[in-house]
Amino acid sequence: MPLQRRLPKRGFTNIFSKRYQVVNLDRLAAFKAGDDINAESLHKAGIIRSANAPVKILGNGKLDKALNITADAFSAAAKESIEKAGGKAEVKQS
C-alpha cells in the first residue's frame, strides 16, 4: 500500500494567516480622553502581550471618550463607535 494512504489525514493549516491580538472597546476605558493609542501604549497598559504582533480592535462594549487609535485592523462596529465618540480610527501602515 502506498505511503500517502498509510499515514493519517490531518487537515489544513494556512501558513499565510495573520493571528491578531484582539482588544474590545470596553478595555480602552482605562485611557484618558484625547490619548493617542497604539500597540506600545496597549502593551504598557497590560492589555496585549506583545507590542510587535498585529492588533485588531473589536466593537464589544461602549466607548464614550474621544480616542485616537492606531491599529492593524478594525471591525466595522468598532470603527463606527470610535468615530461616533469623536475619535479617529487609523489603520497602521506596514
N, C-alpha and C. Protein backbone atom coordinates (compact mmCIF):
# COMPACT_ATOMS: atom_id res chain seq x y z
N MET A 1 0.84 -1.17 0.00
CA MET A 1 0.00 0.00 0.00
C MET A 1 0.90 1.25 0.00
N PRO A 2 0.55 2.29 -0.77
CA PRO A 2 1.38 3.50 -0.83
C PRO A 2 1.42 4.25 0.50
N LEU A 3 2.50 4.99 0.70
CA LEU A 3 2.70 5.72 1.95
C LEU A 3 1.60 6.73 2.23
N GLN A 4 1.13 7.48 1.23
CA GLN A 4 0.11 8.51 1.47
C GLN A 4 -1.22 7.91 1.92
N ARG A 5 -1.46 6.66 1.66
CA ARG A 5 -2.69 6.02 2.15
C ARG A 5 -2.50 5.44 3.56
N ARG A 6 -1.27 5.20 3.96
CA ARG A 6 -1.00 4.62 5.28
C ARG A 6 -0.96 5.69 6.37
N LEU A 7 -0.61 6.93 6.01
CA LEU A 7 -0.50 7.99 7.00
C LEU A 7 -1.87 8.60 7.30
N PRO A 8 -2.11 9.03 8.54
CA PRO A 8 -3.41 9.62 8.88
C PRO A 8 -3.57 11.01 8.25
N LYS A 9 -4.80 11.36 7.95
CA LYS A 9 -5.11 12.67 7.39
C LYS A 9 -5.23 13.67 8.54
N ARG A 10 -4.64 14.84 8.39
CA ARG A 10 -4.59 15.79 9.49
C ARG A 10 -5.22 17.14 9.20
N GLY A 11 -5.79 17.42 8.11
CA GLY A 11 -6.39 18.72 7.87
C GLY A 11 -5.39 19.71 7.30
N PHE A 12 -5.79 20.97 7.32
CA PHE A 12 -5.02 22.01 6.63
C PHE A 12 -4.74 23.16 7.59
N THR A 13 -3.54 23.66 7.59
CA THR A 13 -3.17 24.85 8.36
C THR A 13 -2.63 25.88 7.39
N ASN A 14 -3.29 27.01 7.33
CA ASN A 14 -2.88 28.07 6.43
C ASN A 14 -1.65 28.77 7.00
N ILE A 15 -0.54 28.70 6.30
CA ILE A 15 0.69 29.30 6.80
C ILE A 15 0.74 30.81 6.55
N PHE A 16 -0.20 31.33 5.77
CA PHE A 16 -0.22 32.76 5.48
C PHE A 16 -1.24 33.52 6.30
N SER A 17 -1.93 32.88 7.23
CA SER A 17 -2.95 33.57 8.02
C SER A 17 -2.30 34.49 9.05
N LYS A 18 -2.97 35.60 9.35
CA LYS A 18 -2.49 36.53 10.37
C LYS A 18 -3.20 36.23 11.67
N ARG A 19 -2.46 36.19 12.76
CA ARG A 19 -3.04 35.96 14.08
C ARG A 19 -3.00 37.28 14.83
N TYR A 20 -4.19 37.88 15.01
CA TYR A 20 -4.31 39.17 15.66
C TYR A 20 -4.47 39.03 17.16
N GLN A 21 -3.99 40.04 17.88
CA GLN A 21 -4.31 40.21 19.28
C GLN A 21 -5.56 41.08 19.32
N VAL A 22 -6.64 40.59 19.87
CA VAL A 22 -7.89 41.34 19.83
C VAL A 22 -8.08 42.16 21.10
N VAL A 23 -8.61 43.37 20.91
CA VAL A 23 -8.91 44.28 22.01
C VAL A 23 -10.32 44.79 21.80
N ASN A 24 -11.16 44.65 22.81
CA ASN A 24 -12.52 45.17 22.73
C ASN A 24 -12.55 46.62 23.21
N LEU A 25 -13.59 47.33 22.78
CA LEU A 25 -13.70 48.75 23.12
C LEU A 25 -13.81 48.99 24.62
N ASP A 26 -14.43 48.07 25.34
CA ASP A 26 -14.58 48.29 26.78
C ASP A 26 -13.24 48.23 27.52
N ARG A 27 -12.22 47.61 26.94
CA ARG A 27 -10.88 47.60 27.56
C ARG A 27 -10.17 48.94 27.40
N LEU A 28 -10.63 49.78 26.46
CA LEU A 28 -9.98 51.07 26.22
C LEU A 28 -10.47 52.15 27.18
N ALA A 29 -11.33 51.81 28.12
CA ALA A 29 -11.84 52.77 29.09
C ALA A 29 -10.76 53.23 30.07
N ALA A 30 -9.65 52.51 30.13
CA ALA A 30 -8.57 52.87 31.05
C ALA A 30 -7.80 54.11 30.59
N PHE A 31 -7.96 54.50 29.34
CA PHE A 31 -7.23 55.65 28.79
C PHE A 31 -8.05 56.92 28.95
N LYS A 32 -7.34 58.07 29.00
CA LYS A 32 -7.99 59.38 29.12
C LYS A 32 -8.46 59.85 27.75
N ALA A 33 -9.41 60.75 27.76
CA ALA A 33 -9.94 61.31 26.51
C ALA A 33 -8.83 62.06 25.78
N GLY A 34 -8.75 61.87 24.48
CA GLY A 34 -7.75 62.55 23.67
C GLY A 34 -6.42 61.84 23.57
N ASP A 35 -6.26 60.70 24.23
CA ASP A 35 -5.00 59.96 24.18
C ASP A 35 -4.78 59.35 22.80
N ASP A 36 -3.51 59.23 22.43
CA ASP A 36 -3.12 58.51 21.22
C ASP A 36 -2.79 57.08 21.63
N ILE A 37 -3.53 56.12 21.09
CA ILE A 37 -3.37 54.73 21.48
C ILE A 37 -2.79 53.95 20.31
N ASN A 38 -1.72 53.20 20.59
CA ASN A 38 -1.10 52.32 19.60
C ASN A 38 -0.68 51.04 20.30
N ALA A 39 0.04 50.18 19.62
CA ALA A 39 0.41 48.88 20.17
C ALA A 39 1.31 49.04 21.41
N GLU A 40 2.22 50.03 21.38
CA GLU A 40 3.11 50.21 22.53
C GLU A 40 2.35 50.64 23.78
N SER A 41 1.39 51.56 23.62
CA SER A 41 0.62 52.01 24.78
C SER A 41 -0.29 50.91 25.32
N LEU A 42 -0.84 50.07 24.43
CA LEU A 42 -1.65 48.94 24.87
C LEU A 42 -0.80 47.92 25.62
N HIS A 43 0.43 47.71 25.16
CA HIS A 43 1.34 46.78 25.82
C HIS A 43 1.74 47.30 27.20
N LYS A 44 2.03 48.60 27.31
CA LYS A 44 2.41 49.17 28.61
C LYS A 44 1.26 49.12 29.61
N ALA A 45 0.02 49.22 29.11
CA ALA A 45 -1.15 49.16 29.98
C ALA A 45 -1.50 47.73 30.37
N GLY A 46 -0.86 46.73 29.75
CA GLY A 46 -1.09 45.34 30.08
C GLY A 46 -2.30 44.74 29.38
N ILE A 47 -2.77 45.38 28.32
CA ILE A 47 -3.94 44.89 27.61
C ILE A 47 -3.57 43.82 26.58
N ILE A 48 -2.41 43.96 25.94
CA ILE A 48 -1.94 42.95 24.98
C ILE A 48 -0.60 42.40 25.45
N ARG A 49 -0.22 41.25 24.90
CA ARG A 49 1.01 40.60 25.33
C ARG A 49 2.25 41.14 24.63
N SER A 50 2.15 41.42 23.33
CA SER A 50 3.33 41.81 22.58
C SER A 50 3.03 43.07 21.78
N ALA A 51 3.97 44.00 21.78
CA ALA A 51 3.80 45.23 21.01
C ALA A 51 4.15 45.01 19.54
N ASN A 52 4.75 43.87 19.20
CA ASN A 52 5.17 43.61 17.83
C ASN A 52 4.15 42.84 17.01
N ALA A 53 3.24 42.14 17.66
CA ALA A 53 2.22 41.35 16.95
C ALA A 53 1.08 42.27 16.50
N PRO A 54 0.37 41.92 15.42
CA PRO A 54 -0.72 42.76 14.93
C PRO A 54 -1.88 42.84 15.92
N VAL A 55 -2.54 44.00 15.95
CA VAL A 55 -3.64 44.27 16.88
C VAL A 55 -4.91 44.57 16.08
N LYS A 56 -6.03 43.98 16.52
CA LYS A 56 -7.32 44.25 15.91
C LYS A 56 -8.26 44.74 17.00
N ILE A 57 -8.96 45.84 16.72
CA ILE A 57 -9.91 46.42 17.66
C ILE A 57 -11.30 45.92 17.29
N LEU A 58 -12.01 45.34 18.27
CA LEU A 58 -13.35 44.84 18.06
C LEU A 58 -14.36 45.73 18.77
N GLY A 59 -15.61 45.70 18.34
CA GLY A 59 -16.63 46.64 18.80
C GLY A 59 -17.45 46.18 19.99
N ASN A 60 -16.95 45.31 20.84
CA ASN A 60 -17.71 44.86 22.01
C ASN A 60 -17.56 45.87 23.13
N GLY A 61 -18.65 46.45 23.58
CA GLY A 61 -18.62 47.44 24.64
C GLY A 61 -18.94 48.82 24.11
N LYS A 62 -18.97 49.78 25.02
CA LYS A 62 -19.27 51.17 24.65
C LYS A 62 -18.03 52.02 24.84
N LEU A 63 -17.92 53.03 23.99
CA LEU A 63 -16.82 53.98 24.09
C LEU A 63 -17.43 55.36 24.18
N ASP A 64 -17.12 56.08 25.27
CA ASP A 64 -17.70 57.41 25.46
C ASP A 64 -16.65 58.51 25.48
N LYS A 65 -15.42 58.17 25.11
CA LYS A 65 -14.32 59.14 25.07
C LYS A 65 -13.80 59.26 23.65
N ALA A 66 -13.29 60.42 23.32
CA ALA A 66 -12.67 60.62 22.01
C ALA A 66 -11.22 60.16 22.09
N LEU A 67 -10.91 59.06 21.42
CA LEU A 67 -9.56 58.50 21.42
C LEU A 67 -9.04 58.41 20.00
N ASN A 68 -7.75 58.61 19.82
CA ASN A 68 -7.09 58.45 18.53
C ASN A 68 -6.37 57.11 18.55
N ILE A 69 -6.91 56.14 17.81
CA ILE A 69 -6.42 54.77 17.89
C ILE A 69 -5.76 54.39 16.57
N THR A 70 -4.56 53.84 16.67
CA THR A 70 -3.84 53.31 15.51
C THR A 70 -3.64 51.82 15.74
N ALA A 71 -4.20 51.00 14.82
CA ALA A 71 -4.10 49.55 14.95
C ALA A 71 -3.97 48.94 13.55
N ASP A 72 -3.72 47.63 13.51
CA ASP A 72 -3.56 46.94 12.23
C ASP A 72 -4.89 46.67 11.56
N ALA A 73 -5.98 46.51 12.33
CA ALA A 73 -7.29 46.25 11.75
C ALA A 73 -8.37 46.67 12.74
N PHE A 74 -9.55 47.01 12.20
CA PHE A 74 -10.71 47.40 12.99
C PHE A 74 -11.92 46.64 12.46
N SER A 75 -12.83 46.29 13.35
CA SER A 75 -14.11 45.78 12.88
C SER A 75 -14.97 46.99 12.50
N ALA A 76 -16.00 46.76 11.70
CA ALA A 76 -16.85 47.86 11.25
C ALA A 76 -17.56 48.51 12.43
N ALA A 77 -18.02 47.72 13.39
CA ALA A 77 -18.71 48.27 14.56
C ALA A 77 -17.77 49.09 15.42
N ALA A 78 -16.52 48.66 15.55
CA ALA A 78 -15.56 49.40 16.37
C ALA A 78 -15.23 50.74 15.72
N LYS A 79 -15.02 50.73 14.41
CA LYS A 79 -14.70 51.97 13.70
C LYS A 79 -15.84 52.96 13.82
N GLU A 80 -17.06 52.48 13.69
CA GLU A 80 -18.23 53.35 13.81
C GLU A 80 -18.36 53.92 15.21
N SER A 81 -18.14 53.11 16.25
CA SER A 81 -18.24 53.58 17.63
C SER A 81 -17.17 54.60 17.97
N ILE A 82 -15.97 54.38 17.47
CA ILE A 82 -14.87 55.31 17.74
C ILE A 82 -15.15 56.66 17.10
N GLU A 83 -15.60 56.65 15.85
CA GLU A 83 -15.89 57.91 15.16
C GLU A 83 -17.12 58.60 15.73
N LYS A 84 -18.09 57.83 16.23
CA LYS A 84 -19.28 58.42 16.85
C LYS A 84 -18.92 59.13 18.16
N ALA A 85 -17.92 58.61 18.87
CA ALA A 85 -17.49 59.21 20.13
C ALA A 85 -16.58 60.43 19.88
N GLY A 86 -16.22 60.69 18.63
CA GLY A 86 -15.39 61.86 18.32
C GLY A 86 -13.93 61.54 18.13
N GLY A 87 -13.56 60.29 18.11
CA GLY A 87 -12.16 59.90 17.95
C GLY A 87 -11.83 59.55 16.51
N LYS A 88 -10.59 59.08 16.31
CA LYS A 88 -10.13 58.69 14.98
C LYS A 88 -9.62 57.25 15.04
N ALA A 89 -9.98 56.48 14.01
CA ALA A 89 -9.51 55.10 13.88
C ALA A 89 -8.62 55.04 12.64
N GLU A 90 -7.32 54.89 12.85
CA GLU A 90 -6.36 54.85 11.75
C GLU A 90 -5.78 53.46 11.61
N VAL A 91 -5.72 52.97 10.38
CA VAL A 91 -5.10 51.67 10.11
C VAL A 91 -3.60 51.89 9.96
N LYS A 92 -2.83 51.11 10.70
CA LYS A 92 -1.37 51.22 10.70
C LYS A 92 -0.83 50.81 9.34
N GLN A 93 0.05 51.59 8.79
CA GLN A 93 0.67 51.28 7.51
C GLN A 93 1.90 50.41 7.73
N SER A 94 1.93 49.25 7.11
CA SER A 94 3.06 48.33 7.30
C SER A 94 3.96 48.34 6.11
